[in-house]
Amino acid sequence: MDQSLPSISVDELRTESDVTVLQFIAMRADDELVARAAFTVFYERYHGYLAAVVRKVCARFPISAQELGDAVLQNTFIKVFKHAETFNPSLVRGNDLSAGIKAWLGTIADNEHKKLLQQLRPQTEMMVVVEDITIFEKGEEYDPDDEPDEEPASYERKLLDSALSTLNEKEHYILLQSVAYECEGKHLPREFINSTCKLLNITRANFRKIKQTARMKVQKKIDELQALKK
């Protein structure tokens, strides 16, 4: 990490333009804390818009609309976090950068939507942040930049999808972001916890309680489903 890079808070980033926020996200290899803080701001600004668009599109598939929509939304924001540098403001027509970013997000979401539809078989491969139910076991190495080489087993995929579907939006966001750090062998940075608390309007104590509750709910659901299979 380049130690010369100044630290910047979520509140300070909220005063920056969308392009600047994306530029900060794109420098995650140099300063991951700043990149994640910038991602929080970007998520605040565009989650509502993208969620509404995704829900409308996925409503055409009522059997799996909720799961499909959640996967498309999560995958799109993952792509933003990993590839923020792919947004080129010079390609935006006129001066409406917000419209340009929405179009960019729409393209990413459309690609993710098509990819997931192609993967819909007797089971649905819904890639959110975690790759399989072994996220709850310690000692496993995880590289968020790696793509899976093959489909997860049908049974394990169904277990995870069913378990994650029991979480509300706050639980879902906190658990998946926390697991991403934990699987990389990192402690949750104070800045990430503080920015998440501001984003969700909760206290640090609430953050810990929500994360614990979400983990317990997922594990409980997995245990219940595994018991039914025996």
Foldseek 3Di string as FASTA:
>chain_A
DPPVDDDDALVRLLPDDLLVLLVQLACCVPPVLSNLSSLLNVCLVCVVVLLVVLLVVLVVPVVCSVLLSQLLSQQLSLCSSHPSVPQDQVPDPDDPVVVSVVVVSVVSSVVSSVVQVVQDDVATCRCHQDRWPCLPPPPAADDSVDDDPDGDDRVGRVLQSVQLVVDDPLLNVLQRVCSVQVNNVHHDDPSNLVSSCVSVVHDSVVSVVSPVVSVVSSVVSSVVVVVVVD
